Amino acid sequence: MKDNKLVLISGSGRGLGASIAESFANKGYKVAINYFKSEKQAHELANKLGSDVLPFYADVSSKDDVIELNKNICDKFKKGPDILVNNAMTEYLFNGDLRKKAHEITWDEIQNHLDITIKGSLNLIQELFKNMKKNNFGRIINVGTNLFQNPVVPYHDYIIAKSGLLGLTRSFAKDLGEFGITVNMMSGGLLKVTDASAATPDEVFDAIASMTPLQRVTTTKDFSDALLFFASDEARSITGQNLTVDGGLTFN
């Protein structure tokens, strides 16, 4: 067991978030699964992972929803989250052929990503901060992308929002460190396979594998297992960092 540590993972009813929830549960953490539209999947995942895993509804872009989310988690687990993973994002399909170019994309499309990725993360951090400050302990882990370094596909709205989340990671790490709270980012590439990457043609996966030193595409489990490091005591002196987990496709 991890000293009874409780982790909240936003957007974890399905996809990468569900894989992250499973990795934490398998290591003995208590897990709060947050879902927005994936109620059925979230409940099925919680049932699969055991009694220390529970599902909770919230639209993280709504401050009122997030306040209620934290209240419900505290009621059910008799404590607040020690660890927060900001994973939630708006519905998206990773298929470059379907994405708009720079001269076509609208502000509303960018704003849609910002509302979940940035505003949602801000809402969660600020609401959970009170309990983390009281305990002089907190781990905040934001999910990013290797497209910062290598924007080879026109996922403009997605990349802009995740870039903002990297800025939030570094600026909040400076402010929150005095309260025993670390803030880090884990960035992946195209993962095999999530609901979003299911739309990616097989030849794209093959091309990525051929360009990667490990000669394979990173899986959701590869990414999720690596993310556990930032939650561990071994990472206690690491904050404001962005770790890329993509099999060496991009180098920092």
C-alpha atoms as a PDB file:
ATOM      1  CA  MET A   1       0.000   0.000   0.000  1.00  0.00           C
ATOM      2  CA  LYS A   2       1.086   3.598  -0.636  1.00  0.00           C
ATOM      3  CA  ASP A   3       0.456   4.978   2.871  1.00  0.00           C
ATOM      4  CA  ASN A   4      -3.262   5.242   2.079  1.00  0.00           C
ATOM      5  CA  LYS A   5      -2.576   7.832  -0.652  1.00  0.00           C
ATOM      6  CA  LEU A   6      -5.587   8.892  -2.729  1.00  0.00           C
ATOM      7  CA  VAL A   7      -5.260   9.959  -6.361  1.00  0.00           C
ATOM      8  CA  LEU A   8      -7.844  11.841  -8.427  1.00  0.00           C
ATOM      9  CA  ILE A   9      -7.514  11.416 -12.195  1.00  0.00           C
ATOM     10  CA  SER A  10      -9.591  13.742 -14.352  1.00  0.00           C
ATOM     11  CA  GLY A  11     -11.132  12.240 -17.479  1.00  0.00           C
ATOM     12  CA  SER A  12     -10.383   8.688 -16.410  1.00  0.00           C
ATOM     13  CA  GLY A  13     -13.529   6.815 -17.336  1.00  0.00           C
ATOM     14  CA  ARG A  14     -11.918   5.598 -20.540  1.00  0.00           C
ATOM     15  CA  GLY A  15      -8.833   5.875 -22.726  1.00  0.00           C
ATOM     16  CA  LEU A  16      -5.502   6.953 -21.284  1.00  0.00           C
ATOM     17  CA  GLY A  17      -7.130   8.103 -18.038  1.00  0.00           C
ATOM     18  CA  ALA A  18      -8.511   4.624 -17.440  1.00  0.00           C
ATOM     19  CA  SER A  19      -5.055   3.144 -17.992  1.00  0.00           C
ATOM     20  CA  ILE A  20      -3.580   5.618 -15.486  1.00  0.00           C
ATOM     21  CA  ALA A  21      -6.273   4.669 -12.970  1.00  0.00           C
ATOM     22  CA  GLU A  22      -5.448   0.994 -13.419  1.00  0.00           C
ATOM     23  CA  SER A  23      -1.702   1.570 -12.915  1.00  0.00           C
ATOM     24  CA  PHE A  24      -2.327   3.437  -9.649  1.00  0.00           C
ATOM     25  CA  ALA A  25      -4.832   0.858  -8.400  1.00  0.00           C
ATOM     26  CA  ASN A  26      -2.428  -1.980  -9.170  1.00  0.00           C
ATOM     27  CA  LYS A  27       0.196  -0.289  -6.977  1.00  0.00           C
ATOM     28  CA  GLY A  28      -2.151  -0.020  -4.003  1.00  0.00           C
ATOM     29  CA  TYR A  29      -3.344   3.570  -4.274  1.00  0.00           C
ATOM     30  CA  LYS A  30      -6.920   4.597  -3.607  1.00  0.00           C
ATOM     31  CA  VAL A  31      -8.332   6.036  -6.838  1.00  0.00           C
ATOM     32  CA  ALA A  32     -11.068   8.563  -7.605  1.00  0.00           C
ATOM     33  CA  ILE A  33     -12.120   8.177 -11.239  1.00  0.00           C
ATOM     34  CA  ASN A  34     -13.545  11.373 -12.709  1.00  0.00           C
ATOM     35  CA  TYR A  35     -15.835  11.119 -15.718  1.00  0.00           C
ATOM     36  CA  PHE A  36     -17.999  13.533 -17.702  1.00  0.00           C
ATOM     37  CA  LYS A  37     -19.768  11.565 -20.456  1.00  0.00           C
ATOM     38  CA  SER A  38     -18.357   8.083 -19.805  1.00  0.00           C
ATOM     39  CA  GLU A  39     -20.521   7.096 -16.838  1.00  0.00           C
ATOM     40  CA  LYS A  40     -20.992   3.465 -17.847  1.00  0.00           C
ATOM     41  CA  GLN A  41     -17.296   2.931 -18.576  1.00  0.00           C
ATOM     42  CA  ALA A  42     -16.268   4.644 -15.343  1.00  0.00           C
ATOM     43  CA  HIS A  43     -18.497   2.430 -13.206  1.00  0.00           C
ATOM     44  CA  GLU A  44     -17.333  -0.696 -15.027  1.00  0.00           C
ATOM     45  CA  LEU A  45     -13.700   0.299 -14.502  1.00  0.00           C
ATOM     46  CA  ALA A  46     -14.257   0.985 -10.798  1.00  0.00           C
ATOM     47  CA  ASN A  47     -15.940  -2.393 -10.356  1.00  0.00           C
ATOM     48  CA  LYS A  48     -13.049  -4.069 -12.117  1.00  0.00           C
ATOM     49  CA  LEU A  49     -10.357  -2.362 -10.027  1.00  0.00           C
ATOM     50  CA  GLY A  50     -11.847  -3.005  -6.596  1.00  0.00           C
ATOM     51  CA  SER A  51     -13.360  -1.359  -3.550  1.00  0.00           C
ATOM     52  CA  ASP A  52     -10.633   1.317  -3.230  1.00  0.00           C
ATOM     53  CA  VAL A  53     -11.611   2.750  -6.622  1.00  0.00           C
ATOM     54  CA  LEU A  54     -14.756   4.869  -7.024  1.00  0.00           C
ATOM     55  CA  PRO A  55     -16.237   6.885  -9.924  1.00  0.00           C
ATOM     56  CA  PHE A  56     -17.275  10.551  -9.643  1.00  0.00           C
ATOM     57  CA  TYR A  57     -19.032  12.806 -12.149  1.00  0.00           C
ATOM     58  CA  ALA A  58     -17.815  16.339 -12.885  1.00  0.00           C
ATOM     59  CA  ASP A  59     -17.369  18.713 -15.777  1.00  0.00           C
ATOM     60  CA  VAL A  60     -13.963  19.980 -14.695  1.00  0.00           C
ATOM     61  CA  SER A  61     -14.417  23.230 -16.635  1.00  0.00           C
ATOM     62  CA  SER A  62     -17.178  24.104 -14.133  1.00  0.00           C
ATOM     63  CA  LYS A  63     -15.882  25.410 -10.802  1.00  0.00           C
ATOM     64  CA  ASP A  64     -19.148  24.443  -9.105  1.00  0.00           C
ATOM     65  CA  ASP A  65     -18.819  20.886 -10.416  1.00  0.00           C
ATOM     66  CA  VAL A  66     -15.259  20.668  -9.140  1.00  0.00           C
ATOM     67  CA  ILE A  67     -16.238  21.906  -5.671  1.00  0.00           C
ATOM     68  CA  GLU A  68     -18.972  19.263  -5.556  1.00  0.00           C
ATOM     69  CA  LEU A  69     -16.545  16.642  -6.891  1.00  0.00           C
ATOM     70  CA  ASN A  70     -14.071  17.286  -4.079  1.00  0.00           C
ATOM     71  CA  LYS A  71     -16.867  17.223  -1.488  1.00  0.00           C
ATOM     72  CA  ASN A  72     -18.138  13.867  -2.794  1.00  0.00           C
ATOM     73  CA  ILE A  73     -14.642  12.382  -2.822  1.00  0.00           C
ATOM     74  CA  CYS A  74     -14.016  13.511   0.760  1.00  0.00           C
ATOM     75  CA  ASP A  75     -17.373  12.071   1.829  1.00  0.00           C
ATOM     76  CA  LYS A  76     -16.697   8.680   0.240  1.00  0.00           C
ATOM     77  CA  PHE A  77     -13.006   8.279   1.098  1.00  0.00           C
ATOM     78  CA  LYS A  78     -13.055  10.300   4.341  1.00  0.00           C
ATOM     79  CA  LYS A  79     -10.117  12.327   3.039  1.00  0.00           C
ATOM     80  CA  GLY A  80      -9.149  14.582   0.151  1.00  0.00           C
ATOM     81  CA  PRO A  81      -6.905  13.608  -2.774  1.00  0.00           C
ATOM     82  CA  ASP A  82      -3.165  13.643  -2.125  1.00  0.00           C
ATOM     83  CA  ILE A  83      -2.347  13.330  -5.821  1.00  0.00           C
ATOM     84  CA  LEU A  84      -3.995  14.972  -8.821  1.00  0.00           C
ATOM     85  CA  VAL A  85      -3.528  13.875 -12.422  1.00  0.00           C
ATOM     86  CA  ASN A  86      -4.852  16.441 -14.899  1.00  0.00           C
ATOM     87  CA  ASN A  87      -5.681  14.233 -17.855  1.00  0.00           C
ATOM     88  CA  ALA A  88      -9.100  15.464 -19.023  1.00  0.00           C
ATOM     89  CA  MET A  89      -9.400  16.876 -22.523  1.00  0.00           C
ATOM     90  CA  THR A  90     -12.206  17.632 -24.910  1.00  0.00           C
ATOM     91  CA  GLU A  91     -13.352  14.910 -27.312  1.00  0.00           C
ATOM     92  CA  TYR A  92     -10.815  14.593 -30.096  1.00  0.00           C
ATOM     93  CA  LEU A  93      -9.685  12.279 -32.869  1.00  0.00           C
ATOM     94  CA  PHE A  94      -5.988  12.053 -33.679  1.00  0.00           C
ATOM     95  CA  ASN A  95      -6.144  11.930 -37.449  1.00  0.00           C
ATOM     96  CA  GLY A  96      -4.148  14.654 -39.173  1.00  0.00           C
ATOM     97  CA  ASP A  97      -6.161  14.336 -42.363  1.00  0.00           C
ATOM     98  CA  LEU A  98      -9.291  15.480 -40.504  1.00  0.00           C
ATOM     99  CA  ARG A  99      -7.747  18.444 -38.694  1.00  0.00           C
ATOM    100  CA  LYS A 100      -7.953  22.057 -39.782  1.00  0.00           C
ATOM    101  CA  LYS A 101      -4.870  23.950 -40.944  1.00  0.00           C
ATOM    102  CA  ALA A 102      -3.630  27.136 -39.290  1.00  0.00           C
ATOM    103  CA  HIS A 103      -5.558  29.361 -41.710  1.00  0.00           C
ATOM    104  CA  GLU A 104      -8.796  27.447 -41.092  1.00  0.00           C
ATOM    105  CA  ILE A 105      -9.004  26.799 -37.359  1.00  0.00           C
ATOM    106  CA  THR A 106     -11.371  28.970 -35.318  1.00  0.00           C
ATOM    107  CA  TRP A 107     -10.944  30.561 -31.923  1.00  0.00           C
ATOM    108  CA  ASP A 108     -13.966  28.630 -30.643  1.00  0.00           C
ATOM    109  CA  GLU A 109     -12.197  25.359 -31.415  1.00  0.00           C
ATOM    110  CA  ILE A 110      -9.097  26.493 -29.548  1.00  0.00           C
ATOM    111  CA  GLN A 111     -11.207  27.826 -26.670  1.00  0.00           C
ATOM    112  CA  ASN A 112     -12.935  24.452 -26.373  1.00  0.00           C
ATOM    113  CA  HIS A 113      -9.578  22.842 -25.579  1.00  0.00           C
ATOM    114  CA  LEU A 114      -8.500  25.638 -23.272  1.00  0.00           C
ATOM    115  CA  ASP A 115     -11.683  25.300 -21.220  1.00  0.00           C
ATOM    116  CA  ILE A 116     -10.956  21.674 -20.343  1.00  0.00           C
ATOM    117  CA  THR A 117      -7.172  21.498 -20.428  1.00  0.00           C
ATOM    118  CA  ILE A 118      -6.310  24.814 -18.765  1.00  0.00           C
ATOM    119  CA  LYS A 119      -9.441  25.964 -16.954  1.00  0.00           C
ATOM    120  CA  GLY A 120     -10.257  22.435 -15.808  1.00  0.00           C
ATOM    121  CA  SER A 121      -6.753  21.917 -14.436  1.00  0.00           C
ATOM    122  CA  LEU A 122      -6.851  25.304 -12.720  1.00  0.00           C
ATOM    123  CA  ASN A 123     -10.200  24.518 -11.090  1.00  0.00           C
ATOM    124  CA  LEU A 124      -8.953  21.182  -9.775  1.00  0.00           C
ATOM    125  CA  ILE A 125      -5.620  22.486  -8.498  1.00  0.00           C
ATOM    126  CA  GLN A 126      -7.212  25.405  -6.670  1.00  0.00           C
ATOM    127  CA  GLU A 127      -9.902  23.264  -5.071  1.00  0.00           C
ATOM    128  CA  LEU A 128      -7.522  20.499  -3.954  1.00  0.00           C
ATOM    129  CA  PHE A 129      -4.870  22.970  -2.803  1.00  0.00           C
ATOM    130  CA  LYS A 130      -6.587  23.642   0.530  1.00  0.00           C
ATOM    131  CA  ASN A 131      -6.233  20.060   1.714  1.00  0.00           C
ATOM    132  CA  MET A 132      -2.757  19.625   0.228  1.00  0.00           C
ATOM    133  CA  LYS A 133      -1.574  22.778   2.007  1.00  0.00           C
ATOM    134  CA  LYS A 134      -2.997  21.535   5.312  1.00  0.00           C
ATOM    135  CA  ASN A 135      -1.107  18.249   4.924  1.00  0.00           C
ATOM    136  CA  ASN A 136       2.040  19.922   3.558  1.00  0.00           C
ATOM    137  CA  PHE A 137       1.977  17.326   0.798  1.00  0.00           C
ATOM    138  CA  GLY A 138       0.704  17.164  -2.747  1.00  0.00           C
ATOM    139  CA  ARG A 139       1.577  15.720  -6.126  1.00  0.00           C
ATOM    140  CA  ILE A 140       0.153  17.365  -9.249  1.00  0.00           C
ATOM    141  CA  ILE A 141       0.892  15.618 -12.539  1.00  0.00           C
ATOM    142  CA  ASN A 142      -0.249  17.194 -15.799  1.00  0.00           C
ATOM    143  CA  VAL A 143      -0.539  15.160 -18.997  1.00  0.00           C
ATOM    144  CA  GLY A 144       1.171  16.850 -21.942  1.00  0.00           C
ATOM    145  CA  THR A 145       2.384  15.928 -25.422  1.00  0.00           C
ATOM    146  CA  ASN A 146       5.665  15.520 -27.303  1.00  0.00           C
ATOM    147  CA  LEU A 147       4.172  17.704 -30.044  1.00  0.00           C
ATOM    148  CA  PHE A 148       5.697  20.670 -28.187  1.00  0.00           C
ATOM    149  CA  GLN A 149       9.032  19.578 -29.618  1.00  0.00           C
ATOM    150  CA  ASN A 150       7.835  18.150 -32.898  1.00  0.00           C
ATOM    151  CA  PRO A 151       4.494  19.550 -34.167  1.00  0.00           C
ATOM    152  CA  VAL A 152       4.423  17.366 -37.252  1.00  0.00           C
ATOM    153  CA  VAL A 153       0.628  17.184 -37.473  1.00  0.00           C
ATOM    154  CA  PRO A 154      -1.854  20.092 -37.475  1.00  0.00           C
ATOM    155  CA  TYR A 155      -3.412  19.451 -34.067  1.00  0.00           C
ATOM    156  CA  HIS A 156      -3.299  23.206 -33.463  1.00  0.00           C
ATOM    157  CA  ASP A 157      -6.053  23.489 -30.847  1.00  0.00           C
ATOM    158  CA  TYR A 158      -4.690  20.512 -28.907  1.00  0.00           C
ATOM    159  CA  ILE A 159      -1.051  21.658 -29.048  1.00  0.00           C
ATOM    160  CA  ILE A 160      -1.892  25.228 -28.027  1.00  0.00           C
ATOM    161  CA  ALA A 161      -3.833  24.021 -24.974  1.00  0.00           C
ATOM    162  CA  LYS A 162      -1.158  21.528 -23.913  1.00  0.00           C
ATOM    163  CA  SER A 163       1.525  24.195 -24.366  1.00  0.00           C
ATOM    164  CA  GLY A 164      -0.409  26.391 -21.961  1.00  0.00           C
ATOM    165  CA  LEU A 165      -0.555  23.499 -19.518  1.00  0.00           C
ATOM    166  CA  LEU A 166       3.235  23.261 -19.627  1.00  0.00           C
ATOM    167  CA  GLY A 167       3.428  26.943 -18.720  1.00  0.00           C
ATOM    168  CA  LEU A 168       1.001  26.356 -15.861  1.00  0.00           C
ATOM    169  CA  THR A 169       3.126  23.419 -14.689  1.00  0.00           C
ATOM    170  CA  ARG A 170       6.267  25.499 -14.401  1.00  0.00           C
ATOM    171  CA  SER A 171       4.738  28.665 -12.964  1.00  0.00           C
ATOM    172  CA  PHE A 172       2.623  26.796 -10.391  1.00  0.00           C
ATOM    173  CA  ALA A 173       5.600  24.660  -9.345  1.00  0.00           C
ATOM    174  CA  LYS A 174       7.317  27.852  -8.191  1.00  0.00           C
ATOM    175  CA  ASP A 175       4.329  28.999  -6.116  1.00  0.00           C
ATOM    176  CA  LEU A 176       3.254  25.689  -4.606  1.00  0.00           C
ATOM    177  CA  GLY A 177       6.627  24.266  -3.639  1.00  0.00           C
ATOM    178  CA  GLU A 178       6.657  25.975  -0.246  1.00  0.00           C
ATOM    179  CA  PHE A 179       3.570  23.951   0.702  1.00  0.00           C
ATOM    180  CA  GLY A 180       5.192  20.594  -0.050  1.00  0.00           C
ATOM    181  CA  ILE A 181       3.413  20.332  -3.406  1.00  0.00           C
ATOM    182  CA  THR A 182       5.249  19.275  -6.564  1.00  0.00           C
ATOM    183  CA  VAL A 183       3.915  20.052 -10.045  1.00  0.00           C
ATOM    184  CA  ASN A 184       5.240  18.103 -13.015  1.00  0.00           C
ATOM    185  CA  MET A 185       4.221  17.101 -16.516  1.00  0.00           C
ATOM    186  CA  MET A 186       4.384  13.756 -18.301  1.00  0.00           C
ATOM    187  CA  SER A 187       4.269  14.056 -22.092  1.00  0.00           C
ATOM    188  CA  GLY A 188       3.605  11.223 -24.489  1.00  0.00           C
ATOM    189  CA  GLY A 189       3.444  10.858 -28.214  1.00  0.00           C
ATOM    190  CA  LEU A 190       0.785   9.016 -30.148  1.00  0.00           C
ATOM    191  CA  LEU A 191      -0.222   6.190 -27.812  1.00  0.00           C
ATOM    192  CA  LYS A 192      -1.380   2.750 -28.846  1.00  0.00           C
ATOM    193  CA  VAL A 193      -4.204   2.794 -28.417  1.00  0.00           C
ATOM    194  CA  THR A 194      -6.762   5.238 -26.971  1.00  0.00           C
ATOM    195  CA  ASP A 195     -10.244   6.248 -28.071  1.00  0.00           C
ATOM    196  CA  ALA A 196      -8.680   9.341 -29.642  1.00  0.00           C
ATOM    197  CA  SER A 197      -5.822   7.530 -31.409  1.00  0.00           C
ATOM    198  CA  ALA A 198      -8.119   4.770 -32.684  1.00  0.00           C
ATOM    199  CA  ALA A 199      -8.793   7.031 -35.671  1.00  0.00           C
ATOM    200  CA  THR A 200      -5.098   7.100 -36.582  1.00  0.00           C
ATOM    201  CA  PRO A 201      -4.283   5.049 -39.703  1.00  0.00           C
ATOM    202  CA  ASP A 202      -2.115   1.958 -39.139  1.00  0.00           C
ATOM    203  CA  GLU A 203       0.570   3.298 -41.477  1.00  0.00           C
ATOM    204  CA  VAL A 204       1.092   6.251 -39.117  1.00  0.00           C
ATOM    205  CA  PHE A 205       1.704   3.885 -36.196  1.00  0.00           C
ATOM    206  CA  ASP A 206       4.108   1.904 -38.377  1.00  0.00           C
ATOM    207  CA  ALA A 207       5.996   5.047 -39.391  1.00  0.00           C
ATOM    208  CA  ILE A 208       6.336   6.190 -35.777  1.00  0.00           C
ATOM    209  CA  ALA A 209       7.625   2.785 -34.712  1.00  0.00           C
ATOM    210  CA  SER A 210      10.271   2.860 -37.446  1.00  0.00           C
ATOM    211  CA  MET A 211      11.526   6.292 -36.294  1.00  0.00           C
ATOM    212  CA  THR A 212      11.666   5.366 -32.594  1.00  0.00           C
ATOM    213  CA  PRO A 213      14.884   3.974 -31.079  1.00  0.00           C
ATOM    214  CA  LEU A 214      12.872   1.235 -29.367  1.00  0.00           C
ATOM    215  CA  GLN A 215      11.226   0.396 -32.715  1.00  0.00           C
ATOM    216  CA  ARG A 216       7.745   0.323 -31.246  1.00  0.00           C
ATOM    217  CA  VAL A 217       4.904   2.679 -30.401  1.00  0.00           C
ATOM    218  CA  THR A 218       4.470   3.573 -26.730  1.00  0.00           C
ATOM    219  CA  THR A 219       1.359   1.990 -25.214  1.00  0.00           C
ATOM    220  CA  THR A 220      -1.021   3.514 -22.699  1.00  0.00           C
ATOM    221  CA  LYS A 221       0.379   1.117 -20.086  1.00  0.00           C
ATOM    222  CA  ASP A 222       3.952   2.214 -20.845  1.00  0.00           C
ATOM    223  CA  PHE A 223       2.920   5.804 -20.275  1.00  0.00           C
ATOM    224  CA  SER A 224       0.767   5.158 -17.214  1.00  0.00           C
ATOM    225  CA  ASP A 225       3.381   3.082 -15.427  1.00  0.00           C
ATOM    226  CA  ALA A 226       6.001   5.787 -15.994  1.00  0.00           C
ATOM    227  CA  LEU A 227       3.644   8.458 -14.642  1.00  0.00           C
ATOM    228  CA  LEU A 228       3.619   6.691 -11.263  1.00  0.00           C
ATOM    229  CA  PHE A 229       7.170   7.923 -10.702  1.00  0.00           C
ATOM    230  CA  PHE A 230       6.070  11.540 -10.206  1.00  0.00           C
ATOM    231  CA  ALA A 231       3.609  10.384  -7.523  1.00  0.00           C
ATOM    232  CA  SER A 232       6.255   8.418  -5.640  1.00  0.00           C
ATOM    233  CA  ASP A 233       8.371   9.486  -2.700  1.00  0.00           C
ATOM    234  CA  GLU A 234      11.416   8.998  -4.910  1.00  0.00           C
ATOM    235  CA  ALA A 235      10.309  12.064  -6.908  1.00  0.00           C
ATOM    236  CA  ARG A 236      10.004  14.303  -3.830  1.00  0.00           C
ATOM    237  CA  SER A 237      12.686  16.740  -5.027  1.00  0.00           C
ATOM    238  CA  ILE A 238      11.493  16.988  -8.620  1.00  0.00           C
ATOM    239  CA  THR A 239       9.144  19.794  -9.608  1.00  0.00           C
ATOM    240  CA  GLY A 240       8.457  21.984 -12.622  1.00  0.00           C
ATOM    241  CA  GLN A 241       9.712  19.289 -14.982  1.00  0.00           C
ATOM    242  CA  ASN A 242       8.372  17.785 -18.196  1.00  0.00           C
ATOM    243  CA  LEU A 243       9.285  14.144 -18.796  1.00  0.00           C
ATOM    244  CA  THR A 244       8.701  12.813 -22.301  1.00  0.00           C
ATOM    245  CA  VAL A 245       7.664   9.171 -22.568  1.00  0.00           C
ATOM    246  CA  ASP A 246       7.635   8.286 -26.271  1.00  0.00           C
ATOM    247  CA  GLY A 247      10.295   5.620 -26.685  1.00  0.00           C
ATOM    248  CA  GLY A 248      12.894   8.224 -27.643  1.00  0.00           C
ATOM    249  CA  LEU A 249      11.015   9.603 -30.640  1.00  0.00           C
ATOM    250  CA  THR A 250      11.838  13.101 -29.409  1.00  0.00           C
ATOM    251  CA  PHE A 251      14.762  14.109 -27.226  1.00  0.00           C
ATOM    252  CA  ASN A 252      14.714  16.859 -24.576  1.00  0.00           C
END
